[in-house]
Amino acid sequence: MSALAEKVRDTSTLLFVPGDRPERFTKAAASGAGLVVLDLEDAVAADRKAEARVHVAEWVAGNHECAVRINPPGTEWHEADLAAFAQQRCAVMLPKAEDAETVRGVADALGTSPLIALIETAQGVLDARHIGRVAAVQRLAFGSFDLAAQLGVAPGDREALAAARSALVLASAAVGLPGPVDGVTGDLHDDELLVDDVRHARLLGFTGKLCVHPKQVATTTAALRPTDDEQRWAREVVDAAAQGGVVAVRGQMIDKPVVDRARRVLRQAEEGNPR
């Protein structure tokens, strides 16, 4: 597995930057985000797509580590995006990932690029397990706003989107991928909402978050880290397990799954990522 593929699997914060705003690329790279996603899709108007593609291709050619969100299959810009980033050293985020055959075709066209499959339609949710089995796919991400629009629900309605979120978590686990990346929090000024959104997603099994502004990165990173109490519990479990025999911590019997979870919590705290 390439270092970039490992980066895609491990990163906890993915920051979108409009592809037609090259003056923002450097600032985004310095934001502390785990991975910058240069966006050719939603953030770029139709008449600026070609210009944005040039700017992004130049940045990638400069050996900057990043991902590129290309335009989805079926759009007039998709084939040109594939041609521009085939065999380039960047990850690719594929929007409207709906079926494994199409995703596999995109992977074949791109060559060695690790893929982030953005699941944002009902069909994509239902086929997420098959999409996750495509060899190039290193992570599933949740496009909550697009799915909410298709379903006719509010993107902030956690109950309405709970089944979809859980489906992505289960699909990722079933095919051996890290926990998926949750969708964006659209309110840039409500840090409490952002923290609550991140903690909710983390409880469900998500291990990353899409961000739309650099100011969201630090807050998101902190919210994804295990709490102090979780870290204390994990240390108690690992220390108790090292003694051997049948032990209990805080009234809970300790067996291998519990120890594995505790070690994962400590790794998250040490490495600063929630994998």
C-alpha atoms as a PDB file:
ATOM      1  CA  MET A   1       0.000   0.000   0.000  1.00  0.00           C
ATOM      2  CA  SER A   2       1.347   3.432  -0.915  1.00  0.00           C
ATOM      3  CA  ALA A   3       2.014   6.117   1.688  1.00  0.00           C
ATOM      4  CA  LEU A   4      -0.753   8.225   0.157  1.00  0.00           C
ATOM      5  CA  ALA A   5      -3.249   5.368   0.407  1.00  0.00           C
ATOM      6  CA  GLU A   6      -2.326   4.945   4.074  1.00  0.00           C
ATOM      7  CA  LYS A   7      -2.807   8.682   4.535  1.00  0.00           C
ATOM      8  CA  VAL A   8      -6.306   8.466   3.079  1.00  0.00           C
ATOM      9  CA  ARG A   9      -7.156   5.589   5.405  1.00  0.00           C
ATOM     10  CA  ASP A  10      -5.753   7.284   8.508  1.00  0.00           C
ATOM     11  CA  THR A  11      -6.725  10.926   8.168  1.00  0.00           C
ATOM     12  CA  SER A  12      -9.435  12.374  10.362  1.00  0.00           C
ATOM     13  CA  THR A  13     -10.010  15.794   8.779  1.00  0.00           C
ATOM     14  CA  LEU A  14     -10.511  16.429   5.076  1.00  0.00           C
ATOM     15  CA  LEU A  15     -10.708  20.103   4.096  1.00  0.00           C
ATOM     16  CA  PHE A  16     -12.410  21.201   0.873  1.00  0.00           C
ATOM     17  CA  VAL A  17     -10.899  24.087  -1.090  1.00  0.00           C
ATOM     18  CA  PRO A  18     -12.458  25.485  -4.301  1.00  0.00           C
ATOM     19  CA  GLY A  19     -10.312  24.478  -7.257  1.00  0.00           C
ATOM     20  CA  ASP A  20     -10.643  27.888  -8.872  1.00  0.00           C
ATOM     21  CA  ARG A  21      -9.120  29.663  -5.863  1.00  0.00           C
ATOM     22  CA  PRO A  22      -5.423  28.744  -6.086  1.00  0.00           C
ATOM     23  CA  GLU A  23      -4.498  31.541  -3.685  1.00  0.00           C
ATOM     24  CA  ARG A  24      -6.165  29.458  -0.957  1.00  0.00           C
ATOM     25  CA  PHE A  25      -4.281  26.220  -1.603  1.00  0.00           C
ATOM     26  CA  THR A  26      -1.225  27.055   0.491  1.00  0.00           C
ATOM     27  CA  LYS A  27      -3.328  28.334   3.390  1.00  0.00           C
ATOM     28  CA  ALA A  28      -5.383  25.148   3.334  1.00  0.00           C
ATOM     29  CA  ALA A  29      -2.248  23.002   3.356  1.00  0.00           C
ATOM     30  CA  ALA A  30      -1.063  24.881   6.457  1.00  0.00           C
ATOM     31  CA  SER A  31      -4.407  24.565   8.268  1.00  0.00           C
ATOM     32  CA  GLY A  32      -3.551  21.343  10.067  1.00  0.00           C
ATOM     33  CA  ALA A  33      -6.063  19.310   8.067  1.00  0.00           C
ATOM     34  CA  GLY A  34      -5.121  15.700   7.568  1.00  0.00           C
ATOM     35  CA  LEU A  35      -5.814  15.959   3.858  1.00  0.00           C
ATOM     36  CA  VAL A  36      -6.694  18.910   1.635  1.00  0.00           C
ATOM     37  CA  VAL A  37      -9.348  18.168  -0.995  1.00  0.00           C
ATOM     38  CA  LEU A  38      -9.119  20.453  -4.017  1.00  0.00           C
ATOM     39  CA  ASP A  39     -12.671  20.637  -5.304  1.00  0.00           C
ATOM     40  CA  LEU A  40     -13.625  20.641  -8.966  1.00  0.00           C
ATOM     41  CA  GLU A  41     -17.281  19.817  -8.331  1.00  0.00           C
ATOM     42  CA  ASP A  42     -19.760  21.694  -6.123  1.00  0.00           C
ATOM     43  CA  ALA A  43     -17.480  24.593  -5.218  1.00  0.00           C
ATOM     44  CA  VAL A  44     -16.786  25.557  -8.843  1.00  0.00           C
ATOM     45  CA  ALA A  45     -19.236  27.171 -11.249  1.00  0.00           C
ATOM     46  CA  ALA A  46     -19.743  25.515 -14.630  1.00  0.00           C
ATOM     47  CA  ASP A  47     -17.972  28.271 -16.560  1.00  0.00           C
ATOM     48  CA  ARG A  48     -14.876  27.972 -14.357  1.00  0.00           C
ATOM     49  CA  LYS A  49     -14.426  24.190 -14.405  1.00  0.00           C
ATOM     50  CA  ALA A  50     -11.695  24.149 -17.044  1.00  0.00           C
ATOM     51  CA  GLU A  51      -9.779  26.939 -15.324  1.00  0.00           C
ATOM     52  CA  ALA A  52     -10.054  25.181 -11.972  1.00  0.00           C
ATOM     53  CA  ARG A  53      -8.781  21.938 -13.483  1.00  0.00           C
ATOM     54  CA  VAL A  54      -5.642  23.722 -14.692  1.00  0.00           C
ATOM     55  CA  HIS A  55      -4.987  25.284 -11.282  1.00  0.00           C
ATOM     56  CA  VAL A  56      -5.447  21.979  -9.479  1.00  0.00           C
ATOM     57  CA  ALA A  57      -3.307  20.051 -11.959  1.00  0.00           C
ATOM     58  CA  GLU A  58      -0.489  22.562 -11.466  1.00  0.00           C
ATOM     59  CA  TRP A  59      -0.695  22.153  -7.700  1.00  0.00           C
ATOM     60  CA  VAL A  60      -0.615  18.377  -7.957  1.00  0.00           C
ATOM     61  CA  ALA A  61       2.332  18.550 -10.358  1.00  0.00           C
ATOM     62  CA  GLY A  62       4.179  20.557  -7.698  1.00  0.00           C
ATOM     63  CA  ASN A  63       4.268  17.393  -5.567  1.00  0.00           C
ATOM     64  CA  HIS A  64       1.790  18.688  -3.015  1.00  0.00           C
ATOM     65  CA  GLU A  65       0.031  15.913  -1.117  1.00  0.00           C
ATOM     66  CA  CYS A  66      -3.706  16.279  -1.623  1.00  0.00           C
ATOM     67  CA  ALA A  67      -6.923  14.768  -2.884  1.00  0.00           C
ATOM     68  CA  VAL A  68      -8.961  16.038  -5.827  1.00  0.00           C
ATOM     69  CA  ARG A  69     -12.726  15.857  -5.924  1.00  0.00           C
ATOM     70  CA  ILE A  70     -13.500  15.357  -9.585  1.00  0.00           C
ATOM     71  CA  ASN A  71     -16.851  15.834 -11.263  1.00  0.00           C
ATOM     72  CA  PRO A  72     -19.166  12.813 -11.162  1.00  0.00           C
ATOM     73  CA  PRO A  73     -19.725  10.290 -13.948  1.00  0.00           C
ATOM     74  CA  GLY A  74     -22.254  11.440 -16.492  1.00  0.00           C
ATOM     75  CA  THR A  75     -21.303  15.112 -16.326  1.00  0.00           C
ATOM     76  CA  GLU A  76     -19.637  16.911 -19.225  1.00  0.00           C
ATOM     77  CA  TRP A  77     -16.456  17.479 -17.208  1.00  0.00           C
ATOM     78  CA  HIS A  78     -15.899  13.952 -15.896  1.00  0.00           C
ATOM     79  CA  GLU A  79     -13.788  12.520 -18.723  1.00  0.00           C
ATOM     80  CA  ALA A  80     -11.521  15.566 -18.830  1.00  0.00           C
ATOM     81  CA  ASP A  81     -11.002  15.291 -15.080  1.00  0.00           C
ATOM     82  CA  LEU A  82     -10.035  11.638 -15.406  1.00  0.00           C
ATOM     83  CA  ALA A  83      -7.572  12.452 -18.170  1.00  0.00           C
ATOM     84  CA  ALA A  84      -6.008  15.298 -16.189  1.00  0.00           C
ATOM     85  CA  PHE A  85      -5.352  13.240 -13.065  1.00  0.00           C
ATOM     86  CA  ALA A  86      -4.621   9.795 -14.463  1.00  0.00           C
ATOM     87  CA  GLN A  87      -1.326   8.488 -13.083  1.00  0.00           C
ATOM     88  CA  GLN A  88      -0.872  11.641 -10.965  1.00  0.00           C
ATOM     89  CA  ARG A  89       0.307  11.554  -7.363  1.00  0.00           C
ATOM     90  CA  CYS A  90      -2.939  12.494  -5.699  1.00  0.00           C
ATOM     91  CA  ALA A  91      -5.910  10.821  -4.135  1.00  0.00           C
ATOM     92  CA  VAL A  92      -9.245  11.210  -5.890  1.00  0.00           C
ATOM     93  CA  MET A  93     -12.633  11.724  -4.306  1.00  0.00           C
ATOM     94  CA  LEU A  94     -15.399  10.393  -6.513  1.00  0.00           C
ATOM     95  CA  PRO A  95     -18.774  12.061  -5.933  1.00  0.00           C
ATOM     96  CA  LYS A  96     -22.073  10.306  -6.571  1.00  0.00           C
ATOM     97  CA  ALA A  97     -20.446   6.887  -6.132  1.00  0.00           C
ATOM     98  CA  GLU A  98     -23.410   4.598  -6.731  1.00  0.00           C
ATOM     99  CA  ASP A  99     -22.254   1.235  -8.041  1.00  0.00           C
ATOM    100  CA  ALA A 100     -19.102  -0.846  -7.982  1.00  0.00           C
ATOM    101  CA  GLU A 101     -18.822  -1.218 -11.752  1.00  0.00           C
ATOM    102  CA  THR A 102     -18.676   2.538 -12.334  1.00  0.00           C
ATOM    103  CA  VAL A 103     -16.258   3.046  -9.455  1.00  0.00           C
ATOM    104  CA  ARG A 104     -14.034   0.276 -10.802  1.00  0.00           C
ATOM    105  CA  GLY A 105     -14.041   1.952 -14.221  1.00  0.00           C
ATOM    106  CA  VAL A 106     -12.940   5.241 -12.672  1.00  0.00           C
ATOM    107  CA  ALA A 107     -10.188   3.465 -10.762  1.00  0.00           C
ATOM    108  CA  ASP A 108      -8.951   1.793 -13.942  1.00  0.00           C
ATOM    109  CA  ALA A 109      -8.876   5.136 -15.760  1.00  0.00           C
ATOM    110  CA  LEU A 110      -6.925   6.839 -12.983  1.00  0.00           C
ATOM    111  CA  GLY A 111      -4.284   4.158 -12.531  1.00  0.00           C
ATOM    112  CA  THR A 112      -2.685   4.129  -9.083  1.00  0.00           C
ATOM    113  CA  SER A 113      -4.705   6.859  -7.353  1.00  0.00           C
ATOM    114  CA  PRO A 114      -6.316   5.848  -4.063  1.00  0.00           C
ATOM    115  CA  LEU A 115     -10.041   6.570  -4.112  1.00  0.00           C
ATOM    116  CA  ILE A 116     -12.407   8.101  -1.595  1.00  0.00           C
ATOM    117  CA  ALA A 117     -15.926   7.065  -2.587  1.00  0.00           C
ATOM    118  CA  LEU A 118     -18.376   9.817  -1.679  1.00  0.00           C
ATOM    119  CA  ILE A 119     -21.703   8.136  -0.950  1.00  0.00           C
ATOM    120  CA  GLU A 120     -24.470  10.711  -1.344  1.00  0.00           C
ATOM    121  CA  THR A 121     -27.430   8.973  -2.965  1.00  0.00           C
ATOM    122  CA  ALA A 122     -29.853   6.282  -1.867  1.00  0.00           C
ATOM    123  CA  GLN A 123     -28.425   3.900  -4.455  1.00  0.00           C
ATOM    124  CA  GLY A 124     -24.917   4.559  -3.198  1.00  0.00           C
ATOM    125  CA  VAL A 125     -25.922   3.803   0.385  1.00  0.00           C
ATOM    126  CA  LEU A 126     -27.558   0.534  -0.647  1.00  0.00           C
ATOM    127  CA  ASP A 127     -24.474  -0.510  -2.660  1.00  0.00           C
ATOM    128  CA  ALA A 128     -21.849   0.829  -0.233  1.00  0.00           C
ATOM    129  CA  ARG A 129     -20.515  -2.617   0.679  1.00  0.00           C
ATOM    130  CA  HIS A 130     -19.838  -3.477  -2.980  1.00  0.00           C
ATOM    131  CA  ILE A 131     -18.315  -0.067  -3.642  1.00  0.00           C
ATOM    132  CA  GLY A 132     -16.014  -0.519  -0.658  1.00  0.00           C
ATOM    133  CA  ARG A 133     -14.734  -3.791  -2.115  1.00  0.00           C
ATOM    134  CA  VAL A 134     -13.276  -2.057  -5.192  1.00  0.00           C
ATOM    135  CA  ALA A 135      -9.539  -2.418  -4.679  1.00  0.00           C
ATOM    136  CA  ALA A 136      -8.683   1.258  -5.172  1.00  0.00           C
ATOM    137  CA  VAL A 137     -11.244   2.471  -2.628  1.00  0.00           C
ATOM    138  CA  GLN A 138      -9.523   3.305   0.645  1.00  0.00           C
ATOM    139  CA  ARG A 139     -12.349   5.136   2.404  1.00  0.00           C
ATOM    140  CA  LEU A 140     -16.074   5.796   2.215  1.00  0.00           C
ATOM    141  CA  ALA A 141     -17.346   9.321   2.870  1.00  0.00           C
ATOM    142  CA  PHE A 142     -20.882  10.504   3.515  1.00  0.00           C
ATOM    143  CA  GLY A 143     -22.463  13.206   1.364  1.00  0.00           C
ATOM    144  CA  SER A 144     -25.214  14.162   3.790  1.00  0.00           C
ATOM    145  CA  PHE A 145     -26.509  17.256   1.996  1.00  0.00           C
ATOM    146  CA  ASP A 146     -27.090  15.567  -1.350  1.00  0.00           C
ATOM    147  CA  LEU A 147     -28.683  12.522   0.216  1.00  0.00           C
ATOM    148  CA  ALA A 148     -30.919  14.678   2.392  1.00  0.00           C
ATOM    149  CA  ALA A 149     -32.096  16.566  -0.686  1.00  0.00           C
ATOM    150  CA  GLN A 150     -32.903  13.308  -2.465  1.00  0.00           C
ATOM    151  CA  LEU A 151     -34.803  11.992   0.553  1.00  0.00           C
ATOM    152  CA  GLY A 152     -36.610  15.261   1.176  1.00  0.00           C
ATOM    153  CA  VAL A 153     -35.273  15.667   4.717  1.00  0.00           C
ATOM    154  CA  ALA A 154     -33.169  18.297   6.469  1.00  0.00           C
ATOM    155  CA  PRO A 155     -29.400  17.606   6.281  1.00  0.00           C
ATOM    156  CA  GLY A 156     -29.128  18.260  10.010  1.00  0.00           C
ATOM    157  CA  ASP A 157     -31.842  15.742  10.905  1.00  0.00           C
ATOM    158  CA  ARG A 158     -29.812  12.987  12.554  1.00  0.00           C
ATOM    159  CA  GLU A 159     -32.774  10.679  12.979  1.00  0.00           C
ATOM    160  CA  ALA A 160     -33.685  10.853   9.287  1.00  0.00           C
ATOM    161  CA  LEU A 161     -30.116  10.076   8.215  1.00  0.00           C
ATOM    162  CA  ALA A 162     -29.276   7.576  10.977  1.00  0.00           C
ATOM    163  CA  ALA A 163     -29.902   4.508   8.830  1.00  0.00           C
ATOM    164  CA  ALA A 164     -27.694   5.828   6.045  1.00  0.00           C
ATOM    165  CA  ARG A 165     -24.849   6.684   8.402  1.00  0.00           C
ATOM    166  CA  SER A 166     -25.022   3.290  10.062  1.00  0.00           C
ATOM    167  CA  ALA A 167     -25.066   1.599   6.650  1.00  0.00           C
ATOM    168  CA  LEU A 168     -21.750   3.243   5.762  1.00  0.00           C
ATOM    169  CA  VAL A 169     -20.207   2.230   9.089  1.00  0.00           C
ATOM    170  CA  LEU A 170     -21.323  -1.376   8.622  1.00  0.00           C
ATOM    171  CA  ALA A 171     -20.196  -1.463   4.991  1.00  0.00           C
ATOM    172  CA  SER A 172     -16.749  -0.149   5.906  1.00  0.00           C
ATOM    173  CA  ALA A 173     -16.316  -2.701   8.667  1.00  0.00           C
ATOM    174  CA  ALA A 174     -17.568  -5.542   6.471  1.00  0.00           C
ATOM    175  CA  VAL A 175     -14.928  -4.943   3.794  1.00  0.00           C
ATOM    176  CA  GLY A 176     -12.046  -4.049   6.110  1.00  0.00           C
ATOM    177  CA  LEU A 177     -11.978  -0.295   5.548  1.00  0.00           C
ATOM    178  CA  PRO A 178     -11.423   2.234   8.340  1.00  0.00           C
ATOM    179  CA  GLY A 179     -14.522   3.930   9.686  1.00  0.00           C
ATOM    180  CA  PRO A 180     -16.064   6.308   7.140  1.00  0.00           C
ATOM    181  CA  VAL A 181     -15.799  10.088   6.937  1.00  0.00           C
ATOM    182  CA  ASP A 182     -18.873  12.047   8.002  1.00  0.00           C
ATOM    183  CA  GLY A 183     -20.426  14.850   5.965  1.00  0.00           C
ATOM    184  CA  VAL A 184     -19.962  18.575   6.462  1.00  0.00           C
ATOM    185  CA  THR A 185     -21.445  20.818   9.112  1.00  0.00           C
ATOM    186  CA  GLY A 186     -22.673  23.770   7.087  1.00  0.00           C
ATOM    187  CA  ASP A 187     -22.826  26.356   9.893  1.00  0.00           C
ATOM    188  CA  LEU A 188     -19.361  27.915  10.059  1.00  0.00           C
ATOM    189  CA  HIS A 189     -20.052  29.955  13.184  1.00  0.00           C
ATOM    190  CA  ASP A 190     -21.570  27.403  15.592  1.00  0.00           C
ATOM    191  CA  ASP A 191     -18.669  25.529  17.175  1.00  0.00           C
ATOM    192  CA  GLU A 192     -20.976  23.795  19.638  1.00  0.00           C
ATOM    193  CA  LEU A 193     -22.981  22.320  16.775  1.00  0.00           C
ATOM    194  CA  LEU A 194     -19.786  21.203  15.038  1.00  0.00           C
ATOM    195  CA  VAL A 195     -18.517  19.462  18.171  1.00  0.00           C
ATOM    196  CA  ASP A 196     -21.892  17.816  18.740  1.00  0.00           C
ATOM    197  CA  ASP A 197     -22.038  16.646  15.114  1.00  0.00           C
ATOM    198  CA  VAL A 198     -18.546  15.158  15.354  1.00  0.00           C
ATOM    199  CA  ARG A 199     -19.239  13.385  18.636  1.00  0.00           C
ATOM    200  CA  HIS A 200     -22.499  11.974  17.297  1.00  0.00           C
ATOM    201  CA  ALA A 201     -20.752  10.626  14.199  1.00  0.00           C
ATOM    202  CA  ARG A 202     -17.920   9.202  16.304  1.00  0.00           C
ATOM    203  CA  LEU A 203     -20.402   7.328  18.508  1.00  0.00           C
ATOM    204  CA  LEU A 204     -21.806   5.702  15.367  1.00  0.00           C
ATOM    205  CA  GLY A 205     -18.366   4.558  14.230  1.00  0.00           C
ATOM    206  CA  PHE A 206     -17.223   7.372  11.908  1.00  0.00           C
ATOM    207  CA  THR A 207     -13.528   8.177  12.092  1.00  0.00           C
ATOM    208  CA  GLY A 208     -13.288  11.363  10.055  1.00  0.00           C
ATOM    209  CA  LYS A 209     -15.094  14.537   9.049  1.00  0.00           C
ATOM    210  CA  LEU A 210     -15.381  16.657   5.916  1.00  0.00           C
ATOM    211  CA  CYS A 211     -14.638  20.323   6.614  1.00  0.00           C
ATOM    212  CA  VAL A 212     -15.490  23.340   4.469  1.00  0.00           C
ATOM    213  CA  HIS A 213     -13.427  26.002   6.236  1.00  0.00           C
ATOM    214  CA  PRO A 214      -9.995  25.984   7.918  1.00  0.00           C
ATOM    215  CA  LYS A 215     -11.582  27.232  11.158  1.00  0.00           C
ATOM    216  CA  GLN A 216     -13.375  23.884  11.494  1.00  0.00           C
ATOM    217  CA  VAL A 217     -10.216  21.784  11.418  1.00  0.00           C
ATOM    218  CA  ALA A 218      -8.845  22.208  14.946  1.00  0.00           C
ATOM    219  CA  THR A 219     -12.271  21.867  16.564  1.00  0.00           C
ATOM    220  CA  THR A 220     -13.014  18.734  14.566  1.00  0.00           C
ATOM    221  CA  THR A 221      -9.645  17.167  15.350  1.00  0.00           C
ATOM    222  CA  ALA A 222     -10.121  17.734  19.077  1.00  0.00           C
ATOM    223  CA  ALA A 223     -13.673  16.369  19.047  1.00  0.00           C
ATOM    224  CA  LEU A 224     -12.562  13.178  17.303  1.00  0.00           C
ATOM    225  CA  ARG A 225      -9.911  12.392  19.898  1.00  0.00           C
ATOM    226  CA  PRO A 226     -10.800  10.031  22.762  1.00  0.00           C
ATOM    227  CA  THR A 227     -11.838  11.865  25.913  1.00  0.00           C
ATOM    228  CA  ASP A 228      -9.617  11.896  28.997  1.00  0.00           C
ATOM    229  CA  ASP A 229     -11.924   9.404  30.698  1.00  0.00           C
ATOM    230  CA  GLU A 230     -11.823   7.076  27.677  1.00  0.00           C
ATOM    231  CA  GLN A 231      -8.043   7.199  27.743  1.00  0.00           C
ATOM    232  CA  ARG A 232      -7.938   6.451  31.476  1.00  0.00           C
ATOM    233  CA  TRP A 233     -10.289   3.505  30.980  1.00  0.00           C
ATOM    234  CA  ALA A 234      -8.165   2.196  28.123  1.00  0.00           C
ATOM    235  CA  ARG A 235      -4.973   2.352  30.185  1.00  0.00           C
ATOM    236  CA  GLU A 236      -6.686   0.547  33.049  1.00  0.00           C
ATOM    237  CA  VAL A 237      -7.834  -2.208  30.684  1.00  0.00           C
ATOM    238  CA  VAL A 238      -4.455  -2.678  29.032  1.00  0.00           C
ATOM    239  CA  ASP A 239      -2.658  -2.687  32.390  1.00  0.00           C
ATOM    240  CA  ALA A 240      -5.138  -5.186  33.843  1.00  0.00           C
ATOM    241  CA  ALA A 241      -4.871  -7.464  30.808  1.00  0.00           C
ATOM    242  CA  ALA A 242      -1.087  -7.498  31.148  1.00  0.00           C
ATOM    243  CA  GLN A 243      -1.464  -9.164  34.546  1.00  0.00           C
ATOM    244  CA  GLY A 244      -3.068 -12.210  32.934  1.00  0.00           C
ATOM    245  CA  GLY A 245      -5.923 -14.343  34.181  1.00  0.00           C
ATOM    246  CA  VAL A 246      -9.552 -13.319  34.494  1.00  0.00           C
ATOM    247  CA  VAL A 247      -9.787  -9.644  35.474  1.00  0.00           C
ATOM    248  CA  ALA A 248     -12.400  -6.920  35.602  1.00  0.00           C
ATOM    249  CA  VAL A 249     -12.137  -3.159  35.179  1.00  0.00           C
ATOM    250  CA  ARG A 250     -14.866  -0.883  36.508  1.00  0.00           C
ATOM    251  CA  GLY A 251     -17.059  -3.935  36.945  1.00  0.00           C
ATOM    252  CA  GLN A 252     -16.601  -5.125  33.369  1.00  0.00           C
ATOM    253  CA  MET A 253     -15.024  -8.462  32.520  1.00  0.00           C
ATOM    254  CA  ILE A 254     -11.987  -8.043  30.289  1.00  0.00           C
ATOM    255  CA  ASP A 255     -11.638 -10.237  27.213  1.00  0.00           C
ATOM    256  CA  LYS A 256      -9.846  -9.854  23.882  1.00  0.00           C
ATOM    257  CA  PRO A 257     -12.414  -7.607  22.129  1.00  0.00           C
ATOM    258  CA  VAL A 258     -12.363  -5.223  25.083  1.00  0.00           C
ATOM    259  CA  VAL A 259      -8.560  -5.166  25.129  1.00  0.00           C
ATOM    260  CA  ASP A 260      -8.460  -4.579  21.369  1.00  0.00           C
ATOM    261  CA  ARG A 261     -10.814  -1.622  21.742  1.00  0.00           C
ATOM    262  CA  ALA A 262      -8.727  -0.198  24.581  1.00  0.00           C
ATOM    263  CA  ARG A 263      -5.546  -0.431  22.538  1.00  0.00           C
ATOM    264  CA  ARG A 264      -7.296   1.279  19.636  1.00  0.00           C
ATOM    265  CA  VAL A 265      -8.347   4.134  21.916  1.00  0.00           C
ATOM    266  CA  LEU A 266      -4.769   4.613  23.102  1.00  0.00           C
ATOM    267  CA  ARG A 267      -3.493   4.525  19.542  1.00  0.00           C
ATOM    268  CA  GLN A 268      -6.020   7.180  18.568  1.00  0.00           C
ATOM    269  CA  ALA A 269      -4.884   9.398  21.411  1.00  0.00           C
ATOM    270  CA  GLU A 270      -1.188   8.962  20.621  1.00  0.00           C
ATOM    271  CA  GLU A 271      -1.418   9.338  16.882  1.00  0.00           C
ATOM    272  CA  GLY A 272      -4.039  12.084  16.821  1.00  0.00           C
ATOM    273  CA  ASN A 273      -6.226  10.184  14.354  1.00  0.00           C
ATOM    274  CA  PRO A 274      -9.372   8.180  15.057  1.00  0.00           C
ATOM    275  CA  ARG A 275      -8.713   5.050  13.094  1.00  0.00           C
END
